[in-house]
Amino acid sequence: PELLALIKDEVNVKVVEVDEKIAPPVELDTTITPELKEEGDL
């Protein structure tokens, strides 16, 4: 949990999901949804 919280803060995302079946590399979903855009504008 501490590592996930650190990753969340460092890459400025709301959620970090871990799929235990997939080995690295890490993938980031950088999709800006309308809700995220509105929060950023706010």
All heavy atoms as atom14 arrays in JSON, in Angstrom:
{
  "sequence": "PELLALIKDEVNVKVVEVDEKIAPPVELDTTITPELKEEGDL",
  "atom14_mask": [
    [1, 1, 1, 1, 1, 1, 1, 0, 0, 0, 0, 0, 0, 0],
    [1, 1, 1, 1, 1, 1, 1, 1, 1, 0, 0, 0, 0, 0],
    [1, 1, 1, 1, 1, 1, 1, 1, 0, 0, 0, 0, 0, 0],
    [1, 1, 1, 1, 1, 1, 1, 1, 0, 0, 0, 0, 0, 0],
    [1, 1, 1, 1, 1, 0, 0, 0, 0, 0, 0, 0, 0, 0],
    [1, 1, 1, 1, 1, 1, 1, 1, 0, 0, 0, 0, 0, 0],
    [1, 1, 1, 1, 1, 1, 1, 1, 0, 0, 0, 0, 0, 0],
    [1, 1, 1, 1, 1, 1, 1, 1, 1, 0, 0, 0, 0, 0],
    [1, 1, 1, 1, 1, 1, 1, 1, 0, 0, 0, 0, 0, 0],
    [1, 1, 1, 1, 1, 1, 1, 1, 1, 0, 0, 0, 0, 0],
    [1, 1, 1, 1, 1, 1, 1, 0, 0, 0, 0, 0, 0, 0],
    [1, 1, 1, 1, 1, 1, 1, 1, 0, 0, 0, 0, 0, 0],
    [1, 1, 1, 1, 1, 1, 1, 0, 0, 0, 0, 0, 0, 0],
    [1, 1, 1, 1, 1, 1, 1, 1, 1, 0, 0, 0, 0, 0],
    [1, 1, 1, 1, 1, 1, 1, 0, 0, 0, 0, 0, 0, 0],
    [1, 1, 1, 1, 1, 1, 1, 0, 0, 0, 0, 0, 0, 0],
    [1, 1, 1, 1, 1, 1, 1, 1, 1, 0, 0, 0, 0, 0],
    [1, 1, 1, 1, 1, 1, 1, 0, 0, 0, 0, 0, 0, 0],
    [1, 1, 1, 1, 1, 1, 1, 1, 0, 0, 0, 0, 0, 0],
    [1, 1, 1, 1, 1, 1, 1, 1, 1, 0, 0, 0, 0, 0],
    [1, 1, 1, 1, 1, 1, 1, 1, 1, 0, 0, 0, 0, 0],
    [1, 1, 1, 1, 1, 1, 1, 1, 0, 0, 0, 0, 0, 0],
    [1, 1, 1, 1, 1, 0, 0, 0, 0, 0, 0, 0, 0, 0],
    [1, 1, 1, 1, 1, 1, 1, 0, 0, 0, 0, 0, 0, 0],
    [1, 1, 1, 1, 1, 1, 1, 0, 0, 0, 0, 0, 0, 0],
    [1, 1, 1, 1, 1, 1, 1, 0, 0, 0, 0, 0, 0, 0],
    [1, 1, 1, 1, 1, 1, 1, 1, 1, 0, 0, 0, 0, 0],
    [1, 1, 1, 1, 1, 1, 1, 1, 0, 0, 0, 0, 0, 0],
    [1, 1, 1, 1, 1, 1, 1, 1, 0, 0, 0, 0, 0, 0],
    [1, 1, 1, 1, 1, 1, 1, 0, 0, 0, 0, 0, 0, 0],
    [1, 1, 1, 1, 1, 1, 1, 0, 0, 0, 0, 0, 0, 0],
    [1, 1, 1, 1, 1, 1, 1, 1, 0, 0, 0, 0, 0, 0],
    [1, 1, 1, 1, 1, 1, 1, 0, 0, 0, 0, 0, 0, 0],
    [1, 1, 1, 1, 1, 1, 1, 0, 0, 0, 0, 0, 0, 0],
    [1, 1, 1, 1, 1, 1, 1, 1, 1, 0, 0, 0, 0, 0],
    [1, 1, 1, 1, 1, 1, 1, 1, 0, 0, 0, 0, 0, 0],
    [1, 1, 1, 1, 1, 1, 1, 1, 1, 0, 0, 0, 0, 0],
    [1, 1, 1, 1, 1, 1, 1, 1, 1, 0, 0, 0, 0, 0],
    [1, 1, 1, 1, 1, 1, 1, 1, 1, 0, 0, 0, 0, 0],
    [1, 1, 1, 1, 0, 0, 0, 0, 0, 0, 0, 0, 0, 0],
    [1, 1, 1, 1, 1, 1, 1, 1, 0, 0, 0, 0, 0, 0],
    [1, 1, 1, 1, 1, 1, 1, 1, 0, 0, 0, 0, 0, 0]
  ],
  "atom14_positions": [
    [[0.81, -1.22, 0.0], [0.0, 0.0, 0.0], [0.85, 1.28, 0.0], [0.5, 2.25, -0.67], [-0.82, -0.11, 1.28], [-0.85, -1.56, 1.61], [0.43, -2.13, 1.08], [0.0, 0.0, 0.0], [0.0, 0.0, 0.0], [0.0, 0.0, 0.0], [0.0, 0.0, 0.0], [0.0, 0.0, 0.0], [0.0, 0.0, 0.0], [0.0, 0.0, 0.0]],
    [[1.97, 1.28, 0.73], [2.82, 2.47, 0.77], [3.41, 2.76, -0.6], [3.5, 3.91, -1.02], [3.98, 2.32, 1.77], [3.6, 1.85, 3.15], [3.51, 0.33, 3.26], [4.34, -0.4, 2.7], [2.58, -0.13, 3.92], [0.0, 0.0, 0.0], [0.0, 0.0, 0.0], [0.0, 0.0, 0.0], [0.0, 0.0, 0.0], [0.0, 0.0, 0.0]],
    [[3.81, 1.71, -1.31], [4.38, 1.88, -2.64], [3.32, 2.37, -3.62], [3.58, 3.26, -4.43], [4.98, 0.55, -3.13], [5.65, 0.57, -4.49], [6.79, 1.58, -4.53], [6.16, -0.82, -4.85], [0.0, 0.0, 0.0], [0.0, 0.0, 0.0], [0.0, 0.0, 0.0], [0.0, 0.0, 0.0], [0.0, 0.0, 0.0], [0.0, 0.0, 0.0]],
    [[2.12, 1.82, -3.53], [1.04, 2.27, -4.41], [0.69, 3.73, -4.15], [0.45, 4.5, -5.09], [-0.2, 1.39, -4.22], [-0.05, -0.07, -4.67], [-1.32, -0.84, -4.36], [0.32, -0.18, -6.12], [0.0, 0.0, 0.0], [0.0, 0.0, 0.0], [0.0, 0.0, 0.0], [0.0, 0.0, 0.0], [0.0, 0.0, 0.0], [0.0, 0.0, 0.0]],
    [[0.69, 4.14, -2.89], [0.41, 5.53, -2.55], [1.49, 6.45, -3.11], [1.2, 7.53, -3.62], [0.29, 5.69, -1.04], [0.0, 0.0, 0.0], [0.0, 0.0, 0.0], [0.0, 0.0, 0.0], [0.0, 0.0, 0.0], [0.0, 0.0, 0.0], [0.0, 0.0, 0.0], [0.0, 0.0, 0.0], [0.0, 0.0, 0.0], [0.0, 0.0, 0.0]],
    [[2.75, 6.01, -3.02], [3.86, 6.8, -3.56], [3.74, 6.94, -5.07], [3.88, 8.04, -5.61], [5.19, 6.14, -3.19], [6.45, 6.83, -3.73], [6.59, 8.23, -3.14], [7.67, 5.99, -3.42], [0.0, 0.0, 0.0], [0.0, 0.0, 0.0], [0.0, 0.0, 0.0], [0.0, 0.0, 0.0], [0.0, 0.0, 0.0], [0.0, 0.0, 0.0]],
    [[3.45, 5.85, -5.76], [3.29, 5.89, -7.21], [2.14, 6.84, -7.57], [2.27, 7.67, -8.47], [3.03, 4.48, -7.77], [4.28, 3.61, -7.62], [2.6, 4.55, -9.24], [4.05, 2.14, -7.9], [0.0, 0.0, 0.0], [0.0, 0.0, 0.0], [0.0, 0.0, 0.0], [0.0, 0.0, 0.0], [0.0, 0.0, 0.0], [0.0, 0.0, 0.0]],
    [[1.03, 6.72, -6.85], [-0.14, 7.57, -7.09], [0.22, 9.05, -6.99], [-0.13, 9.85, -7.85], [-1.23, 7.2, -6.09], [-2.51, 7.93, -6.25], [-3.52, 7.42, -5.23], [-4.53, 8.46, -4.92], [-5.44, 8.09, -3.86], [0.0, 0.0, 0.0], [0.0, 0.0, 0.0], [0.0, 0.0, 0.0], [0.0, 0.0, 0.0], [0.0, 0.0, 0.0]],
    [[0.96, 9.41, -5.95], [1.36, 10.8, -5.75], [2.36, 11.27, -6.8], [2.26, 12.37, -7.32], [1.97, 11.0, -4.36], [0.93, 10.94, -3.26], [-0.28, 11.07, -3.56], [1.32, 10.75, -2.09], [0.0, 0.0, 0.0], [0.0, 0.0, 0.0], [0.0, 0.0, 0.0], [0.0, 0.0, 0.0], [0.0, 0.0, 0.0], [0.0, 0.0, 0.0]],
    [[3.32, 10.42, -7.11], [4.4, 10.82, -8.02], [3.93, 11.01, -9.46], [4.43, 11.88, -10.15], [5.56, 9.82, -7.97], [6.35, 9.86, -6.68], [7.02, 11.21, -6.43], [7.59, 11.79, -7.39], [6.97, 11.68, -5.28], [0.0, 0.0, 0.0], [0.0, 0.0, 0.0], [0.0, 0.0, 0.0], [0.0, 0.0, 0.0], [0.0, 0.0, 0.0]],
    [[3.0, 10.18, -9.89], [2.54, 10.31, -11.28], [1.21, 11.06, -11.38], [0.65, 11.2, -12.46], [2.45, 8.94, -12.0], [3.8, 8.31, -12.14], [1.48, 8.02, -11.33], [0.0, 0.0, 0.0], [0.0, 0.0, 0.0], [0.0, 0.0, 0.0], [0.0, 0.0, 0.0], [0.0, 0.0, 0.0], [0.0, 0.0, 0.0], [0.0, 0.0, 0.0]],
    [[0.73, 11.57, -10.23], [-0.46, 12.42, -10.18], [-1.67, 11.73, -10.8], [-2.27, 12.22, -11.74], [-0.18, 13.76, -10.85], [-1.26, 14.77, -10.53], [-1.94, 14.67, -9.52], [-1.42, 15.77, -11.39], [0.0, 0.0, 0.0], [0.0, 0.0, 0.0], [0.0, 0.0, 0.0], [0.0, 0.0, 0.0], [0.0, 0.0, 0.0], [0.0, 0.0, 0.0]],
    [[-2.0, 10.56, -10.26], [-3.18, 9.83, -10.7], [-4.07, 9.56, -9.5], [-3.64, 9.64, -8.36], [-2.81, 8.48, -11.39], [-2.04, 8.72, -12.67], [-2.04, 7.58, -10.45], [0.0, 0.0, 0.0], [0.0, 0.0, 0.0], [0.0, 0.0, 0.0], [0.0, 0.0, 0.0], [0.0, 0.0, 0.0], [0.0, 0.0, 0.0], [0.0, 0.0, 0.0]],
    [[-5.32, 9.24, -9.79], [-6.27, 8.97, -8.71], [-6.18, 7.53, -8.21], [-6.37, 7.27, -7.05], [-7.69, 9.24, -9.19], [-7.98, 10.71, -9.35], [-9.44, 10.88, -9.7], [-9.82, 12.31, -9.55], [-10.52, 12.63, -8.35], [0.0, 0.0, 0.0], [0.0, 0.0, 0.0], [0.0, 0.0, 0.0], [0.0, 0.0, 0.0], [0.0, 0.0, 0.0]],
    [[-5.94, 6.58, -9.13], [-5.97, 5.16, -8.78], [-4.79, 4.45, -9.41], [-4.44, 4.7, -10.56], [-7.28, 4.5, -9.29], [-7.29, 3.02, -9.0], [-8.5, 5.17, -8.69], [0.0, 0.0, 0.0], [0.0, 0.0, 0.0], [0.0, 0.0, 0.0], [0.0, 0.0, 0.0], [0.0, 0.0, 0.0], [0.0, 0.0, 0.0], [0.0, 0.0, 0.0]],
    [[-4.17, 3.55, -8.67], [-3.14, 2.66, -9.18], [-3.68, 1.25, -9.06], [-4.01, 0.8, -7.96], [-1.81, 2.79, -8.4], [-0.79, 1.77, -8.9], [-1.26, 4.2, -8.49], [0.0, 0.0, 0.0], [0.0, 0.0, 0.0], [0.0, 0.0, 0.0], [0.0, 0.0, 0.0], [0.0, 0.0, 0.0], [0.0, 0.0, 0.0], [0.0, 0.0, 0.0]],
    [[-3.82, 0.57, -10.19], [-4.31, -0.8, -10.18], [-3.15, -1.73, -10.51], [-2.37, -1.46, -11.41], [-5.42, -0.98, -11.22], [-6.66, -0.2, -10.9], [-7.74, -0.33, -11.95], [-7.5, -0.97, -13.0], [-8.83, 0.2, -11.73], [0.0, 0.0, 0.0], [0.0, 0.0, 0.0], [0.0, 0.0, 0.0], [0.0, 0.0, 0.0], [0.0, 0.0, 0.0]],
    [[-3.07, -2.82, -9.78], [-2.0, -3.78, -9.99], [-2.62, -5.1, -10.44], [-3.52, -5.62, -9.79], [-1.2, -4.01, -8.69], [-0.14, -5.07, -8.89], [-0.59, -2.7, -8.22], [0.0, 0.0, 0.0], [0.0, 0.0, 0.0], [0.0, 0.0, 0.0], [0.0, 0.0, 0.0], [0.0, 0.0, 0.0], [0.0, 0.0, 0.0], [0.0, 0.0, 0.0]],
    [[-2.13, -5.6, -11.57], [-2.54, -6.91, -12.06], [-1.4, -7.86, -11.76], [-0.35, -7.81, -12.39], [-2.83, -6.85, -13.56], [-3.41, -8.14, -14.09], [-3.28, -9.19, -13.4], [-4.0, -8.13, -15.19], [0.0, 0.0, 0.0], [0.0, 0.0, 0.0], [0.0, 0.0, 0.0], [0.0, 0.0, 0.0], [0.0, 0.0, 0.0], [0.0, 0.0, 0.0]],
    [[-1.6, -8.71, -10.78], [-0.54, -9.61, -10.31], [-0.1, -10.6, -11.37], [0.97, -11.19, -11.29], [-1.0, -10.37, -9.05], [-1.32, -9.48, -7.87], [-0.12, -8.8, -7.25], [1.0, -9.28, -7.42], [-0.33, -7.77, -6.59], [0.0, 0.0, 0.0], [0.0, 0.0, 0.0], [0.0, 0.0, 0.0], [0.0, 0.0, 0.0], [0.0, 0.0, 0.0]],
    [[-0.93, -10.8, -12.41], [-0.6, -11.76, -13.46], [0.35, -11.19, -14.5], [0.97, -11.92, -15.24], [-1.88, -12.22, -14.17], [-2.87, -12.89, -13.26], [-4.15, -13.17, -14.01], [-5.3, -13.21, -13.01], [-6.56, -12.93, -13.61], [0.0, 0.0, 0.0], [0.0, 0.0, 0.0], [0.0, 0.0, 0.0], [0.0, 0.0, 0.0], [0.0, 0.0, 0.0]],
    [[0.42, -9.89, -14.56], [1.24, -9.23, -15.58], [2.55, -8.78, -14.95], [2.56, -8.09, -13.93], [0.5, -8.03, -16.19], [-0.77, -8.51, -16.88], [1.4, -7.3, -17.16], [-1.61, -7.39, -17.42], [0.0, 0.0, 0.0], [0.0, 0.0, 0.0], [0.0, 0.0, 0.0], [0.0, 0.0, 0.0], [0.0, 0.0, 0.0], [0.0, 0.0, 0.0]],
    [[3.64, -9.13, -15.57], [4.96, -8.68, -15.11], [5.24, -7.31, -15.71], [4.63, -6.93, -16.7], [6.03, -9.68, -15.53], [0.0, 0.0, 0.0], [0.0, 0.0, 0.0], [0.0, 0.0, 0.0], [0.0, 0.0, 0.0], [0.0, 0.0, 0.0], [0.0, 0.0, 0.0], [0.0, 0.0, 0.0], [0.0, 0.0, 0.0], [0.0, 0.0, 0.0]],
    [[6.18, -6.57, -15.12], [6.52, -5.27, -15.7], [6.84, -5.42, -17.17], [7.14, -6.49, -17.61], [7.76, -4.85, -14.9], [7.62, -5.6, -13.62], [6.92, -6.88, -13.95], [0.0, 0.0, 0.0], [0.0, 0.0, 0.0], [0.0, 0.0, 0.0], [0.0, 0.0, 0.0], [0.0, 0.0, 0.0], [0.0, 0.0, 0.0], [0.0, 0.0, 0.0]],
    [[6.75, -4.46, -18.01], [6.76, -3.04, -17.69], [5.4, -2.51, -17.21], [4.37, -3.09, -17.48], [7.15, -2.38, -19.0], [6.64, -3.29, -20.04], [6.76, -4.68, -19.45], [0.0, 0.0, 0.0], [0.0, 0.0, 0.0], [0.0, 0.0, 0.0], [0.0, 0.0, 0.0], [0.0, 0.0, 0.0], [0.0, 0.0, 0.0], [0.0, 0.0, 0.0]],
    [[5.45, -1.36, -16.59], [4.26, -0.7, -16.08], [3.61, 0.07, -17.22], [4.29, 0.7, -18.01], [4.63, 0.27, -14.93], [3.44, 1.1, -14.52], [5.2, -0.5, -13.78], [0.0, 0.0, 0.0], [0.0, 0.0, 0.0], [0.0, 0.0, 0.0], [0.0, 0.0, 0.0], [0.0, 0.0, 0.0], [0.0, 0.0, 0.0], [0.0, 0.0, 0.0]],
    [[2.3, 0.02, -17.27], [1.56, 0.79, -18.25], [0.76, 1.86, -17.54], [0.16, 1.61, -16.51], [0.58, -0.11, -19.01], [1.16, -0.77, -20.21], [0.09, -1.52, -20.99], [-0.99, -0.95, -21.24], [0.37, -2.66, -21.33], [0.0, 0.0, 0.0], [0.0, 0.0, 0.0], [0.0, 0.0, 0.0], [0.0, 0.0, 0.0], [0.0, 0.0, 0.0]],
    [[0.76, 3.05, -18.11], [-0.03, 4.14, -17.55], [-1.15, 4.47, -18.52], [-0.92, 4.63, -19.71], [0.83, 5.39, -17.35], [1.96, 5.29, -16.35], [2.75, 6.6, -16.32], [1.42, 4.99, -14.96], [0.0, 0.0, 0.0], [0.0, 0.0, 0.0], [0.0, 0.0, 0.0], [0.0, 0.0, 0.0], [0.0, 0.0, 0.0], [0.0, 0.0, 0.0]],
    [[-2.36, 4.55, -18.0], [-3.49, 4.99, -18.8], [-3.57, 6.49, -18.65], [-3.91, 7.0, -17.59], [-4.78, 4.32, -18.31], [-6.0, 4.74, -19.12], [-5.86, 5.57, -20.04], [-7.09, 4.24, -18.82], [0.0, 0.0, 0.0], [0.0, 0.0, 0.0], [0.0, 0.0, 0.0], [0.0, 0.0, 0.0], [0.0, 0.0, 0.0], [0.0, 0.0, 0.0]],
    [[-3.24, 7.21, -19.7], [-3.18, 8.67, -19.62], [-4.41, 9.33, -20.25], [-4.37, 10.5, -20.61], [-1.91, 9.19, -20.32], [-1.93, 8.74, -21.68], [-0.66, 8.7, -19.62], [0.0, 0.0, 0.0], [0.0, 0.0, 0.0], [0.0, 0.0, 0.0], [0.0, 0.0, 0.0], [0.0, 0.0, 0.0], [0.0, 0.0, 0.0], [0.0, 0.0, 0.0]],
    [[-5.49, 8.58, -20.33], [-6.72, 9.11, -20.9], [-7.28, 10.21, -19.99], [-7.45, 10.01, -18.79], [-7.77, 8.0, -21.05], [-7.22, 6.94, -21.82], [-9.03, 8.52, -21.71], [0.0, 0.0, 0.0], [0.0, 0.0, 0.0], [0.0, 0.0, 0.0], [0.0, 0.0, 0.0], [0.0, 0.0, 0.0], [0.0, 0.0, 0.0], [0.0, 0.0, 0.0]],
    [[-7.54, 11.35, -20.59], [-8.15, 12.46, -19.84], [-9.65, 12.39, -20.1], [-10.12, 12.71, -21.19], [-7.6, 13.83, -20.29], [-6.08, 13.89, -20.15], [-8.27, 14.96, -19.52], [-5.57, 13.82, -18.74], [0.0, 0.0, 0.0], [0.0, 0.0, 0.0], [0.0, 0.0, 0.0], [0.0, 0.0, 0.0], [0.0, 0.0, 0.0], [0.0, 0.0, 0.0]],
    [[-10.39, 11.97, -19.09], [-11.84, 11.91, -19.22], [-12.42, 13.31, -19.02], [-11.75, 14.2, -18.48], [-12.43, 10.96, -18.15], [-12.16, 11.53, -16.86], [-11.85, 9.57, -18.26], [0.0, 0.0, 0.0], [0.0, 0.0, 0.0], [0.0, 0.0, 0.0], [0.0, 0.0, 0.0], [0.0, 0.0, 0.0], [0.0, 0.0, 0.0], [0.0, 0.0, 0.0]],
    [[-13.65, 13.53, -19.44], [-14.28, 14.84, -19.2], [-14.28, 15.21, -17.71], [-14.08, 16.38, -17.36], [-15.71, 14.66, -19.73], [-15.58, 13.6, -20.78], [-14.52, 12.67, -20.26], [0.0, 0.0, 0.0], [0.0, 0.0, 0.0], [0.0, 0.0, 0.0], [0.0, 0.0, 0.0], [0.0, 0.0, 0.0], [0.0, 0.0, 0.0], [0.0, 0.0, 0.0]],
    [[-14.45, 14.22, -16.85], [-14.46, 14.49, -15.41], [-13.08, 14.94, -14.93], [-12.97, 15.87, -14.12], [-14.9, 13.24, -14.63], [-16.33, 12.83, -14.85], [-16.54, 12.0, -16.13], [-15.54, 11.53, -16.74], [-17.71, 11.84, -16.52], [0.0, 0.0, 0.0], [0.0, 0.0, 0.0], [0.0, 0.0, 0.0], [0.0, 0.0, 0.0], [0.0, 0.0, 0.0]],
    [[-12.03, 14.27, -15.41], [-10.67, 14.67, -15.03], [-10.34, 16.05, -15.55], [-9.7, 16.85, -14.87], [-9.65, 13.65, -15.53], [-9.63, 12.31, -14.81], [-8.66, 11.35, -15.5], [-9.25, 12.48, -13.35], [0.0, 0.0, 0.0], [0.0, 0.0, 0.0], [0.0, 0.0, 0.0], [0.0, 0.0, 0.0], [0.0, 0.0, 0.0], [0.0, 0.0, 0.0]],
    [[-10.77, 16.37, -16.77], [-10.53, 17.7, -17.34], [-11.22, 18.76, -16.48], [-10.63, 19.79, -16.17], [-11.06, 17.77, -18.77], [-11.08, 19.17, -19.34], [-10.31, 19.29, -20.59], [-10.34, 20.65, -21.22], [-10.09, 21.79, -20.41], [0.0, 0.0, 0.0], [0.0, 0.0, 0.0], [0.0, 0.0, 0.0], [0.0, 0.0, 0.0], [0.0, 0.0, 0.0]],
    [[-12.46, 18.47, -16.08], [-13.19, 19.43, -15.25], [-12.5, 19.63, -13.9], [-12.38, 20.76, -13.42], [-14.63, 18.95, -15.04], [-15.49, 19.97, -14.31], [-16.94, 19.54, -14.22], [-17.21, 18.41, -13.75], [-17.79, 20.34, -14.61], [0.0, 0.0, 0.0], [0.0, 0.0, 0.0], [0.0, 0.0, 0.0], [0.0, 0.0, 0.0], [0.0, 0.0, 0.0]],
    [[-12.0, 18.55, -13.3], [-11.27, 18.67, -12.04], [-9.99, 19.48, -12.21], [-9.63, 20.29, -11.35], [-10.94, 17.29, -11.48], [-12.13, 16.59, -10.88], [-11.77, 15.23, -10.3], [-10.63, 15.08, -9.81], [-12.63, 14.33, -10.34], [0.0, 0.0, 0.0], [0.0, 0.0, 0.0], [0.0, 0.0, 0.0], [0.0, 0.0, 0.0], [0.0, 0.0, 0.0]],
    [[-9.29, 19.26, -13.31], [-8.07, 20.03, -13.59], [-8.37, 21.5, -13.79], [-7.66, 22.37, -13.28], [0.0, 0.0, 0.0], [0.0, 0.0, 0.0], [0.0, 0.0, 0.0], [0.0, 0.0, 0.0], [0.0, 0.0, 0.0], [0.0, 0.0, 0.0], [0.0, 0.0, 0.0], [0.0, 0.0, 0.0], [0.0, 0.0, 0.0], [0.0, 0.0, 0.0]],
    [[-9.45, 21.78, -14.53], [-9.87, 23.18, -14.73], [-10.24, 23.82, -13.4], [-9.93, 24.99, -13.15], [-11.05, 23.25, -15.7], [-10.69, 22.84, -17.13], [-9.48, 22.78, -17.45], [-11.62, 22.59, -17.92], [0.0, 0.0, 0.0], [0.0, 0.0, 0.0], [0.0, 0.0, 0.0], [0.0, 0.0, 0.0], [0.0, 0.0, 0.0], [0.0, 0.0, 0.0]],
    [[-10.91, 23.06, -12.54], [-11.29, 23.56, -11.22], [-10.05, 23.92, -10.4], [-9.97, 25.0, -9.82], [-12.13, 22.52, -10.49], [-12.46, 22.81, -9.03], [-13.38, 24.02, -8.92], [-13.1, 21.59, -8.37], [0.0, 0.0, 0.0], [0.0, 0.0, 0.0], [0.0, 0.0, 0.0], [0.0, 0.0, 0.0], [0.0, 0.0, 0.0], [0.0, 0.0, 0.0]]
  ]
}
